[in-house]
Amino acid sequence: MSRVVSTAYSSPALKYLHIDLFLRPIALSCSFGVPIYAGQMVVPGSRGSRLFALHNIFLVVMAATACGSSSAALSGQVTPPRCADGRPQSEIDAAGSLPLEPQSRRIACVQVAEGTDRSYRLTDGRSLHLYEYVGPLPAKPSRSPTESGAIVIGARSWSWRTLDASLVLSTDTPEGIYVELGVPTTANRSADIDLLKEIAATLAAPRR
Protein backbone atom coordinates (compact mmCIF):
# COMPACT_ATOMS: atom_id res chain seq x y z
CA MET A 1 0.00 0.00 0.00
CA SER A 2 1.42 3.34 -1.03
CA ARG A 3 1.48 6.12 1.47
CA VAL A 4 0.68 9.71 0.51
CA VAL A 5 2.38 12.45 2.52
CA SER A 6 0.94 15.95 2.19
CA THR A 7 2.80 18.96 3.59
CA ALA A 8 1.71 21.76 1.27
CA TYR A 9 -1.19 22.86 3.43
CA SER A 10 -0.08 21.51 6.79
CA SER A 11 -0.21 23.86 9.78
CA PRO A 12 3.60 24.33 10.04
CA ALA A 13 3.84 25.09 6.34
CA LEU A 14 1.11 27.72 6.58
CA LYS A 15 2.89 29.22 9.57
CA TYR A 16 6.05 29.82 7.56
CA LEU A 17 4.07 31.04 4.57
CA HIS A 18 2.57 33.70 6.84
CA ILE A 19 6.05 34.65 8.06
CA ASP A 20 7.19 35.01 4.46
CA LEU A 21 4.18 37.20 3.58
CA PHE A 22 4.96 39.41 6.59
CA LEU A 23 8.67 39.79 5.88
CA ARG A 24 8.50 40.26 2.11
CA PRO A 25 7.04 43.84 2.16
CA ILE A 26 9.67 44.87 4.72
CA ALA A 27 12.46 43.49 2.57
CA LEU A 28 11.12 45.19 -0.55
CA SER A 29 10.62 48.53 1.22
CA CYS A 30 14.27 48.46 2.29
CA SER A 31 15.48 47.76 -1.25
CA PHE A 32 16.55 44.17 -0.64
CA GLY A 33 14.72 43.22 -3.86
CA VAL A 34 13.60 39.90 -2.38
CA PRO A 35 13.66 38.59 1.18
CA ILE A 36 17.22 37.96 2.29
CA TYR A 37 16.32 34.37 3.10
CA ALA A 38 14.85 33.58 -0.35
CA GLY A 39 15.71 30.28 -1.91
CA GLN A 40 16.56 28.55 1.36
CA MET A 41 14.55 25.49 2.36
CA VAL A 42 13.93 23.96 5.76
CA VAL A 43 11.64 21.21 7.01
CA PRO A 44 8.48 22.83 8.48
CA GLY A 45 7.95 22.06 12.14
CA SER A 46 11.55 21.10 12.86
CA ARG A 47 13.64 22.81 15.53
CA GLY A 48 15.93 24.06 12.79
CA SER A 49 13.05 25.69 10.93
CA ARG A 50 11.95 27.55 14.06
CA LEU A 51 15.46 28.87 14.68
CA PHE A 52 15.76 29.71 10.99
CA ALA A 53 12.52 31.73 11.04
CA LEU A 54 13.46 33.62 14.21
CA HIS A 55 16.92 34.35 12.81
CA ASN A 56 15.54 35.84 9.59
CA ILE A 57 12.81 37.84 11.34
CA PHE A 58 15.61 39.40 13.40
CA LEU A 59 17.72 40.13 10.30
CA VAL A 60 14.90 41.77 8.34
CA VAL A 61 13.62 43.89 11.24
CA MET A 62 17.15 45.06 12.05
CA ALA A 63 17.72 45.91 8.40
CA ALA A 64 14.40 47.77 8.26
CA THR A 65 15.56 49.83 11.23
CA ALA A 66 18.83 50.59 9.48
CA CYS A 67 17.18 51.75 6.26
CA GLY A 68 15.17 54.39 8.08
CA SER A 69 12.45 54.31 10.68
CA SER A 70 11.54 50.74 11.64
CA SER A 71 7.86 51.60 12.10
CA ALA A 72 7.82 53.40 8.75
CA ALA A 73 9.51 50.46 7.03
CA LEU A 74 6.96 48.08 8.49
CA SER A 75 4.17 50.21 6.97
CA GLY A 76 5.92 50.38 3.59
CA GLN A 77 7.23 53.93 4.00
CA VAL A 78 10.70 55.06 4.94
CA THR A 79 11.46 58.37 6.69
CA PRO A 80 14.82 59.98 5.83
CA PRO A 81 17.17 60.36 8.81
CA ARG A 82 18.28 63.73 10.15
CA CYS A 83 21.33 65.25 8.45
CA ALA A 84 24.38 65.39 10.71
CA ASP A 85 24.44 69.19 10.33
CA GLY A 86 20.64 69.55 10.35
CA ARG A 87 18.30 70.93 12.95
CA PRO A 88 17.86 68.97 16.22
CA GLN A 89 15.91 65.72 15.98
CA SER A 90 13.40 66.98 18.54
CA GLU A 91 12.61 69.95 16.29
CA ILE A 92 12.19 67.74 13.23
CA ASP A 93 9.93 65.35 15.17
CA ALA A 94 7.83 68.26 16.47
CA ALA A 95 7.08 69.36 12.90
CA GLY A 96 5.15 66.13 12.35
CA SER A 97 4.24 64.72 8.95
CA LEU A 98 3.53 66.59 5.75
CA PRO A 99 0.18 66.12 3.98
CA LEU A 100 2.20 64.38 1.26
CA GLU A 101 5.55 62.83 2.17
CA PRO A 102 8.28 62.20 -0.43
CA GLN A 103 9.54 58.61 -0.57
CA SER A 104 12.34 59.12 -3.08
CA ARG A 105 15.68 57.39 -2.68
CA ARG A 106 17.23 60.58 -4.03
CA ILE A 107 16.68 62.10 -0.57
CA ALA A 108 19.59 61.40 1.76
CA CYS A 109 18.46 63.20 4.93
CA VAL A 110 16.35 65.97 6.48
CA GLN A 111 18.05 69.29 7.19
CA VAL A 112 15.15 71.48 8.38
CA ALA A 113 11.49 70.82 9.26
CA GLU A 114 9.27 73.76 10.16
CA GLY A 115 5.51 73.55 9.78
CA THR A 116 4.90 72.39 6.23
CA ASP A 117 8.35 73.52 5.05
CA ARG A 118 11.09 70.96 4.56
CA SER A 119 14.69 71.14 3.48
CA TYR A 120 16.34 67.88 2.47
CA ARG A 121 19.83 67.01 1.29
CA LEU A 122 19.84 65.00 -1.89
CA THR A 123 22.24 62.20 -2.69
CA ASP A 124 23.98 64.51 -5.18
CA GLY A 125 24.72 67.02 -2.39
CA ARG A 126 22.16 69.65 -3.37
CA SER A 127 19.36 70.89 -1.13
CA LEU A 128 15.74 70.16 -1.97
CA HIS A 129 13.10 72.57 -0.67
CA LEU A 130 9.57 71.24 -0.27
CA TYR A 131 6.62 73.42 0.70
CA GLU A 132 3.02 72.27 1.08
CA TYR A 133 -0.10 74.18 2.01
CA VAL A 134 -3.66 72.96 2.55
CA GLY A 135 -6.39 75.35 1.43
CA PRO A 136 -6.30 78.64 -0.51
CA LEU A 137 -2.69 79.76 -0.92
CA PRO A 138 -1.90 83.02 0.93
CA ALA A 139 -0.95 85.96 -1.25
CA LYS A 140 2.79 86.40 -1.59
CA PRO A 141 5.09 88.54 -3.74
CA SER A 142 5.48 87.09 -7.22
CA ARG A 143 8.59 87.08 -9.35
CA SER A 144 8.81 86.74 -13.09
CA PRO A 145 10.41 83.42 -14.04
CA THR A 146 13.29 83.28 -16.48
CA GLU A 147 11.76 80.21 -18.11
CA SER A 148 8.60 78.23 -17.48
CA GLY A 149 6.67 75.25 -18.77
CA ALA A 150 4.35 72.40 -17.85
CA ILE A 151 4.75 68.64 -17.44
CA VAL A 152 2.44 65.77 -16.52
CA ILE A 153 3.18 63.41 -13.65
CA GLY A 154 0.71 60.56 -13.53
CA ALA A 155 -2.62 62.20 -14.35
CA ARG A 156 -1.71 65.55 -12.82
CA SER A 157 -0.34 68.67 -14.49
CA TRP A 158 2.63 70.39 -12.86
CA SER A 159 4.17 73.78 -13.68
CA TRP A 160 7.89 74.38 -13.64
CA ARG A 161 9.76 77.68 -13.65
CA THR A 162 13.26 78.96 -13.10
CA LEU A 163 13.69 81.68 -10.49
CA ASP A 164 17.18 83.12 -10.05
CA ALA A 165 19.36 80.02 -9.65
CA SER A 166 16.56 77.62 -8.69
CA LEU A 167 14.15 75.36 -10.55
CA VAL A 168 10.68 75.18 -8.99
CA LEU A 169 8.00 72.57 -9.69
CA SER A 170 4.47 73.10 -8.34
CA THR A 171 0.88 71.90 -8.53
CA ASP A 172 -2.49 72.01 -6.79
CA THR A 173 -3.83 68.56 -5.97
CA PRO A 174 -7.51 67.57 -6.18
CA GLU A 175 -7.43 67.32 -2.36
CA GLY A 176 -6.68 71.05 -2.12
CA ILE A 177 -2.97 70.71 -1.33
CA TYR A 178 -0.51 73.13 -2.91
CA VAL A 179 2.87 71.44 -3.45
CA GLU A 180 6.10 73.17 -4.42
CA LEU A 181 9.54 71.58 -4.85
CA GLY A 182 12.72 73.46 -5.65
CA VAL A 183 16.39 72.67 -6.26
CA PRO A 184 19.42 74.73 -7.27
CA THR A 185 19.81 74.54 -11.03
CA THR A 186 22.66 72.92 -12.90
CA ALA A 187 23.78 73.38 -16.49
CA ASN A 188 21.36 70.62 -17.50
CA ARG A 189 17.83 71.96 -17.07
CA SER A 190 16.20 68.82 -18.49
CA ALA A 191 17.99 66.68 -15.92
CA ASP A 192 16.86 69.04 -13.14
CA ILE A 193 13.25 68.77 -14.30
CA ASP A 194 13.52 64.98 -14.48
CA LEU A 195 14.94 64.93 -10.94
CA LEU A 196 12.04 66.93 -9.49
CA LYS A 197 9.58 64.92 -11.56
CA GLU A 198 10.97 61.68 -10.13
CA ILE A 199 10.74 62.98 -6.56
CA ALA A 200 7.24 64.43 -7.05
CA ALA A 201 6.01 61.07 -8.33
CA THR A 202 6.82 59.52 -4.92
CA LEU A 203 4.69 61.95 -2.87
CA ALA A 204 2.09 60.09 -0.84
CA ALA A 205 -0.08 60.65 2.21
CA PRO A 206 1.63 59.21 5.30
CA ARG A 207 0.13 56.01 6.71
CA ARG A 208 -1.21 56.37 10.21
C-alpha atoms as a PDB file:
ATOM      1  CA  MET A   1       0.000   0.000   0.000  1.00  0.00           C
ATOM      2  CA  SER A   2       1.420   3.336  -1.034  1.00  0.00           C
ATOM      3  CA  ARG A   3       1.481   6.118   1.474  1.00  0.00           C
ATOM      4  CA  VAL A   4       0.676   9.710   0.508  1.00  0.00           C
ATOM      5  CA  VAL A   5       2.379  12.445   2.522  1.00  0.00           C
ATOM      6  CA  SER A   6       0.939  15.949   2.187  1.00  0.00           C
ATOM      7  CA  THR A   7       2.797  18.963   3.586  1.00  0.00           C
ATOM      8  CA  ALA A   8       1.711  21.761   1.269  1.00  0.00           C
ATOM      9  CA  TYR A   9      -1.193  22.856   3.430  1.00  0.00           C
ATOM     10  CA  SER A  10      -0.083  21.508   6.794  1.00  0.00           C
ATOM     11  CA  SER A  11      -0.211  23.862   9.776  1.00  0.00           C
ATOM     12  CA  PRO A  12       3.602  24.335  10.043  1.00  0.00           C
ATOM     13  CA  ALA A  13       3.839  25.087   6.338  1.00  0.00           C
ATOM     14  CA  LEU A  14       1.112  27.718   6.577  1.00  0.00           C
ATOM     15  CA  LYS A  15       2.886  29.220   9.566  1.00  0.00           C
ATOM     16  CA  TYR A  16       6.051  29.819   7.560  1.00  0.00           C
ATOM     17  CA  LEU A  17       4.065  31.037   4.570  1.00  0.00           C
ATOM     18  CA  HIS A  18       2.570  33.696   6.844  1.00  0.00           C
ATOM     19  CA  ILE A  19       6.049  34.650   8.062  1.00  0.00           C
ATOM     20  CA  ASP A  20       7.186  35.008   4.456  1.00  0.00           C
ATOM     21  CA  LEU A  21       4.180  37.198   3.578  1.00  0.00           C
ATOM     22  CA  PHE A  22       4.964  39.407   6.595  1.00  0.00           C
ATOM     23  CA  LEU A  23       8.670  39.793   5.879  1.00  0.00           C
ATOM     24  CA  ARG A  24       8.501  40.257   2.111  1.00  0.00           C
ATOM     25  CA  PRO A  25       7.045  43.840   2.164  1.00  0.00           C
ATOM     26  CA  ILE A  26       9.674  44.870   4.717  1.00  0.00           C
ATOM     27  CA  ALA A  27      12.461  43.486   2.568  1.00  0.00           C
ATOM     28  CA  LEU A  28      11.115  45.187  -0.550  1.00  0.00           C
ATOM     29  CA  SER A  29      10.617  48.528   1.220  1.00  0.00           C
ATOM     30  CA  CYS A  30      14.266  48.464   2.290  1.00  0.00           C
ATOM     31  CA  SER A  31      15.482  47.765  -1.248  1.00  0.00           C
ATOM     32  CA  PHE A  32      16.549  44.167  -0.638  1.00  0.00           C
ATOM     33  CA  GLY A  33      14.717  43.224  -3.863  1.00  0.00           C
ATOM     34  CA  VAL A  34      13.596  39.897  -2.383  1.00  0.00           C
ATOM     35  CA  PRO A  35      13.656  38.589   1.179  1.00  0.00           C
ATOM     36  CA  ILE A  36      17.215  37.959   2.288  1.00  0.00           C
ATOM     37  CA  TYR A  37      16.325  34.369   3.101  1.00  0.00           C
ATOM     38  CA  ALA A  38      14.853  33.583  -0.350  1.00  0.00           C
ATOM     39  CA  GLY A  39      15.713  30.275  -1.914  1.00  0.00           C
ATOM     40  CA  GLN A  40      16.558  28.551   1.363  1.00  0.00           C
ATOM     41  CA  MET A  41      14.550  25.488   2.362  1.00  0.00           C
ATOM     42  CA  VAL A  42      13.931  23.956   5.764  1.00  0.00           C
ATOM     43  CA  VAL A  43      11.639  21.206   7.005  1.00  0.00           C
ATOM     44  CA  PRO A  44       8.480  22.832   8.477  1.00  0.00           C
ATOM     45  CA  GLY A  45       7.951  22.055  12.135  1.00  0.00           C
ATOM     46  CA  SER A  46      11.550  21.100  12.863  1.00  0.00           C
ATOM     47  CA  ARG A  47      13.639  22.808  15.529  1.00  0.00           C
ATOM     48  CA  GLY A  48      15.932  24.065  12.786  1.00  0.00           C
ATOM     49  CA  SER A  49      13.054  25.691  10.934  1.00  0.00           C
ATOM     50  CA  ARG A  50      11.955  27.547  14.058  1.00  0.00           C
ATOM     51  CA  LEU A  51      15.462  28.871  14.680  1.00  0.00           C
ATOM     52  CA  PHE A  52      15.762  29.712  10.986  1.00  0.00           C
ATOM     53  CA  ALA A  53      12.524  31.734  11.036  1.00  0.00           C
ATOM     54  CA  LEU A  54      13.457  33.624  14.205  1.00  0.00           C
ATOM     55  CA  HIS A  55      16.918  34.346  12.813  1.00  0.00           C
ATOM     56  CA  ASN A  56      15.540  35.841   9.593  1.00  0.00           C
ATOM     57  CA  ILE A  57      12.815  37.842  11.340  1.00  0.00           C
ATOM     58  CA  PHE A  58      15.611  39.399  13.397  1.00  0.00           C
ATOM     59  CA  LEU A  59      17.719  40.129  10.303  1.00  0.00           C
ATOM     60  CA  VAL A  60      14.903  41.771   8.337  1.00  0.00           C
ATOM     61  CA  VAL A  61      13.619  43.891  11.243  1.00  0.00           C
ATOM     62  CA  MET A  62      17.149  45.064  12.045  1.00  0.00           C
ATOM     63  CA  ALA A  63      17.722  45.911   8.395  1.00  0.00           C
ATOM     64  CA  ALA A  64      14.404  47.768   8.260  1.00  0.00           C
ATOM     65  CA  THR A  65      15.557  49.829  11.227  1.00  0.00           C
ATOM     66  CA  ALA A  66      18.834  50.588   9.482  1.00  0.00           C
ATOM     67  CA  CYS A  67      17.177  51.749   6.259  1.00  0.00           C
ATOM     68  CA  GLY A  68      15.174  54.394   8.080  1.00  0.00           C
ATOM     69  CA  SER A  69      12.451  54.307  10.683  1.00  0.00           C
ATOM     70  CA  SER A  70      11.538  50.741  11.639  1.00  0.00           C
ATOM     71  CA  SER A  71       7.858  51.603  12.096  1.00  0.00           C
ATOM     72  CA  ALA A  72       7.820  53.399   8.752  1.00  0.00           C
ATOM     73  CA  ALA A  73       9.512  50.464   7.035  1.00  0.00           C
ATOM     74  CA  LEU A  74       6.960  48.079   8.486  1.00  0.00           C
ATOM     75  CA  SER A  75       4.171  50.205   6.970  1.00  0.00           C
ATOM     76  CA  GLY A  76       5.920  50.380   3.587  1.00  0.00           C
ATOM     77  CA  GLN A  77       7.232  53.926   4.000  1.00  0.00           C
ATOM     78  CA  VAL A  78      10.705  55.064   4.935  1.00  0.00           C
ATOM     79  CA  THR A  79      11.457  58.368   6.689  1.00  0.00           C
ATOM     80  CA  PRO A  80      14.820  59.985   5.834  1.00  0.00           C
ATOM     81  CA  PRO A  81      17.169  60.363   8.807  1.00  0.00           C
ATOM     82  CA  ARG A  82      18.278  63.731  10.149  1.00  0.00           C
ATOM     83  CA  CYS A  83      21.327  65.249   8.448  1.00  0.00           C
ATOM     84  CA  ALA A  84      24.375  65.387  10.706  1.00  0.00           C
ATOM     85  CA  ASP A  85      24.444  69.187  10.334  1.00  0.00           C
ATOM     86  CA  GLY A  86      20.643  69.552  10.348  1.00  0.00           C
ATOM     87  CA  ARG A  87      18.298  70.935  12.945  1.00  0.00           C
ATOM     88  CA  PRO A  88      17.858  68.971  16.222  1.00  0.00           C
ATOM     89  CA  GLN A  89      15.912  65.720  15.976  1.00  0.00           C
ATOM     90  CA  SER A  90      13.396  66.985  18.542  1.00  0.00           C
ATOM     91  CA  GLU A  91      12.611  69.954  16.289  1.00  0.00           C
ATOM     92  CA  ILE A  92      12.191  67.738  13.233  1.00  0.00           C
ATOM     93  CA  ASP A  93       9.929  65.351  15.170  1.00  0.00           C
ATOM     94  CA  ALA A  94       7.834  68.257  16.473  1.00  0.00           C
ATOM     95  CA  ALA A  95       7.082  69.360  12.895  1.00  0.00           C
ATOM     96  CA  GLY A  96       5.148  66.133  12.349  1.00  0.00           C
ATOM     97  CA  SER A  97       4.244  64.725   8.947  1.00  0.00           C
ATOM     98  CA  LEU A  98       3.528  66.594   5.754  1.00  0.00           C
ATOM     99  CA  PRO A  99       0.177  66.117   3.977  1.00  0.00           C
ATOM    100  CA  LEU A 100       2.204  64.382   1.258  1.00  0.00           C
ATOM    101  CA  GLU A 101       5.552  62.834   2.172  1.00  0.00           C
ATOM    102  CA  PRO A 102       8.279  62.205  -0.430  1.00  0.00           C
ATOM    103  CA  GLN A 103       9.540  58.612  -0.572  1.00  0.00           C
ATOM    104  CA  SER A 104      12.344  59.123  -3.079  1.00  0.00           C
ATOM    105  CA  ARG A 105      15.683  57.394  -2.678  1.00  0.00           C
ATOM    106  CA  ARG A 106      17.227  60.579  -4.025  1.00  0.00           C
ATOM    107  CA  ILE A 107      16.685  62.103  -0.571  1.00  0.00           C
ATOM    108  CA  ALA A 108      19.589  61.402   1.758  1.00  0.00           C
ATOM    109  CA  CYS A 109      18.463  63.197   4.927  1.00  0.00           C
ATOM    110  CA  VAL A 110      16.353  65.971   6.481  1.00  0.00           C
ATOM    111  CA  GLN A 111      18.046  69.291   7.188  1.00  0.00           C
ATOM    112  CA  VAL A 112      15.147  71.478   8.383  1.00  0.00           C
ATOM    113  CA  ALA A 113      11.493  70.816   9.256  1.00  0.00           C
ATOM    114  CA  GLU A 114       9.271  73.758  10.157  1.00  0.00           C
ATOM    115  CA  GLY A 115       5.507  73.552   9.782  1.00  0.00           C
ATOM    116  CA  THR A 116       4.904  72.389   6.225  1.00  0.00           C
ATOM    117  CA  ASP A 117       8.350  73.522   5.047  1.00  0.00           C
ATOM    118  CA  ARG A 118      11.089  70.959   4.564  1.00  0.00           C
ATOM    119  CA  SER A 119      14.694  71.143   3.477  1.00  0.00           C
ATOM    120  CA  TYR A 120      16.335  67.879   2.466  1.00  0.00           C
ATOM    121  CA  ARG A 121      19.828  67.005   1.294  1.00  0.00           C
ATOM    122  CA  LEU A 122      19.840  65.000  -1.889  1.00  0.00           C
ATOM    123  CA  THR A 123      22.245  62.201  -2.691  1.00  0.00           C
ATOM    124  CA  ASP A 124      23.979  64.514  -5.184  1.00  0.00           C
ATOM    125  CA  GLY A 125      24.717  67.015  -2.386  1.00  0.00           C
ATOM    126  CA  ARG A 126      22.156  69.652  -3.367  1.00  0.00           C
ATOM    127  CA  SER A 127      19.361  70.886  -1.125  1.00  0.00           C
ATOM    128  CA  LEU A 128      15.737  70.158  -1.966  1.00  0.00           C
ATOM    129  CA  HIS A 129      13.102  72.568  -0.669  1.00  0.00           C
ATOM    130  CA  LEU A 130       9.566  71.236  -0.268  1.00  0.00           C
ATOM    131  CA  TYR A 131       6.623  73.419   0.696  1.00  0.00           C
ATOM    132  CA  GLU A 132       3.021  72.270   1.081  1.00  0.00           C
ATOM    133  CA  TYR A 133      -0.101  74.179   2.007  1.00  0.00           C
ATOM    134  CA  VAL A 134      -3.660  72.961   2.551  1.00  0.00           C
ATOM    135  CA  GLY A 135      -6.390  75.355   1.433  1.00  0.00           C
ATOM    136  CA  PRO A 136      -6.296  78.644  -0.506  1.00  0.00           C
ATOM    137  CA  LEU A 137      -2.689  79.755  -0.922  1.00  0.00           C
ATOM    138  CA  PRO A 138      -1.897  83.022   0.930  1.00  0.00           C
ATOM    139  CA  ALA A 139      -0.948  85.957  -1.251  1.00  0.00           C
ATOM    140  CA  LYS A 140       2.793  86.403  -1.593  1.00  0.00           C
ATOM    141  CA  PRO A 141       5.086  88.541  -3.743  1.00  0.00           C
ATOM    142  CA  SER A 142       5.477  87.089  -7.219  1.00  0.00           C
ATOM    143  CA  ARG A 143       8.594  87.075  -9.349  1.00  0.00           C
ATOM    144  CA  SER A 144       8.811  86.737 -13.089  1.00  0.00           C
ATOM    145  CA  PRO A 145      10.411  83.423 -14.037  1.00  0.00           C
ATOM    146  CA  THR A 146      13.290  83.281 -16.477  1.00  0.00           C
ATOM    147  CA  GLU A 147      11.760  80.214 -18.107  1.00  0.00           C
ATOM    148  CA  SER A 148       8.599  78.228 -17.479  1.00  0.00           C
ATOM    149  CA  GLY A 149       6.669  75.250 -18.767  1.00  0.00           C
ATOM    150  CA  ALA A 150       4.354  72.395 -17.852  1.00  0.00           C
ATOM    151  CA  ILE A 151       4.753  68.642 -17.440  1.00  0.00           C
ATOM    152  CA  VAL A 152       2.442  65.775 -16.524  1.00  0.00           C
ATOM    153  CA  ILE A 153       3.178  63.410 -13.647  1.00  0.00           C
ATOM    154  CA  GLY A 154       0.709  60.556 -13.534  1.00  0.00           C
ATOM    155  CA  ALA A 155      -2.622  62.195 -14.349  1.00  0.00           C
ATOM    156  CA  ARG A 156      -1.714  65.551 -12.824  1.00  0.00           C
ATOM    157  CA  SER A 157      -0.343  68.667 -14.490  1.00  0.00           C
ATOM    158  CA  TRP A 158       2.630  70.389 -12.860  1.00  0.00           C
ATOM    159  CA  SER A 159       4.167  73.776 -13.677  1.00  0.00           C
ATOM    160  CA  TRP A 160       7.893  74.380 -13.644  1.00  0.00           C
ATOM    161  CA  ARG A 161       9.755  77.684 -13.653  1.00  0.00           C
ATOM    162  CA  THR A 162      13.262  78.960 -13.101  1.00  0.00           C
ATOM    163  CA  LEU A 163      13.693  81.677 -10.486  1.00  0.00           C
ATOM    164  CA  ASP A 164      17.179  83.123 -10.046  1.00  0.00           C
ATOM    165  CA  ALA A 165      19.363  80.021  -9.652  1.00  0.00           C
ATOM    166  CA  SER A 166      16.562  77.617  -8.695  1.00  0.00           C
ATOM    167  CA  LEU A 167      14.149  75.359 -10.546  1.00  0.00           C
ATOM    168  CA  VAL A 168      10.679  75.175  -8.987  1.00  0.00           C
ATOM    169  CA  LEU A 169       8.001  72.567  -9.692  1.00  0.00           C
ATOM    170  CA  SER A 170       4.469  73.103  -8.342  1.00  0.00           C
ATOM    171  CA  THR A 171       0.876  71.905  -8.533  1.00  0.00           C
ATOM    172  CA  ASP A 172      -2.492  72.015  -6.787  1.00  0.00           C
ATOM    173  CA  THR A 173      -3.827  68.559  -5.965  1.00  0.00           C
ATOM    174  CA  PRO A 174      -7.512  67.569  -6.177  1.00  0.00           C
ATOM    175  CA  GLU A 175      -7.434  67.321  -2.363  1.00  0.00           C
ATOM    176  CA  GLY A 176      -6.681  71.046  -2.120  1.00  0.00           C
ATOM    177  CA  ILE A 177      -2.966  70.713  -1.328  1.00  0.00           C
ATOM    178  CA  TYR A 178      -0.510  73.132  -2.909  1.00  0.00           C
ATOM    179  CA  VAL A 179       2.873  71.437  -3.448  1.00  0.00           C
ATOM    180  CA  GLU A 180       6.105  73.171  -4.416  1.00  0.00           C
ATOM    181  CA  LEU A 181       9.538  71.583  -4.846  1.00  0.00           C
ATOM    182  CA  GLY A 182      12.723  73.462  -5.647  1.00  0.00           C
ATOM    183  CA  VAL A 183      16.394  72.674  -6.259  1.00  0.00           C
ATOM    184  CA  PRO A 184      19.424  74.734  -7.268  1.00  0.00           C
ATOM    185  CA  THR A 185      19.810  74.542 -11.034  1.00  0.00           C
ATOM    186  CA  THR A 186      22.663  72.923 -12.897  1.00  0.00           C
ATOM    187  CA  ALA A 187      23.776  73.379 -16.493  1.00  0.00           C
ATOM    188  CA  ASN A 188      21.357  70.624 -17.503  1.00  0.00           C
ATOM    189  CA  ARG A 189      17.825  71.964 -17.072  1.00  0.00           C
ATOM    190  CA  SER A 190      16.198  68.825 -18.491  1.00  0.00           C
ATOM    191  CA  ALA A 191      17.989  66.681 -15.917  1.00  0.00           C
ATOM    192  CA  ASP A 192      16.858  69.037 -13.135  1.00  0.00           C
ATOM    193  CA  ILE A 193      13.249  68.774 -14.301  1.00  0.00           C
ATOM    194  CA  ASP A 194      13.520  64.984 -14.477  1.00  0.00           C
ATOM    195  CA  LEU A 195      14.940  64.927 -10.939  1.00  0.00           C
ATOM    196  CA  LEU A 196      12.043  66.931  -9.492  1.00  0.00           C
ATOM    197  CA  LYS A 197       9.578  64.924 -11.565  1.00  0.00           C
ATOM    198  CA  GLU A 198      10.970  61.682 -10.134  1.00  0.00           C
ATOM    199  CA  ILE A 199      10.741  62.976  -6.556  1.00  0.00           C
ATOM    200  CA  ALA A 200       7.241  64.430  -7.054  1.00  0.00           C
ATOM    201  CA  ALA A 201       6.010  61.066  -8.330  1.00  0.00           C
ATOM    202  CA  THR A 202       6.822  59.519  -4.924  1.00  0.00           C
ATOM    203  CA  LEU A 203       4.690  61.955  -2.867  1.00  0.00           C
ATOM    204  CA  ALA A 204       2.093  60.089  -0.844  1.00  0.00           C
ATOM    205  CA  ALA A 205      -0.079  60.647   2.211  1.00  0.00           C
ATOM    206  CA  PRO A 206       1.631  59.207   5.297  1.00  0.00           C
ATOM    207  CA  ARG A 207       0.131  56.014   6.709  1.00  0.00           C
ATOM    208  CA  ARG A 208      -1.207  56.369  10.215  1.00  0.00           C
END
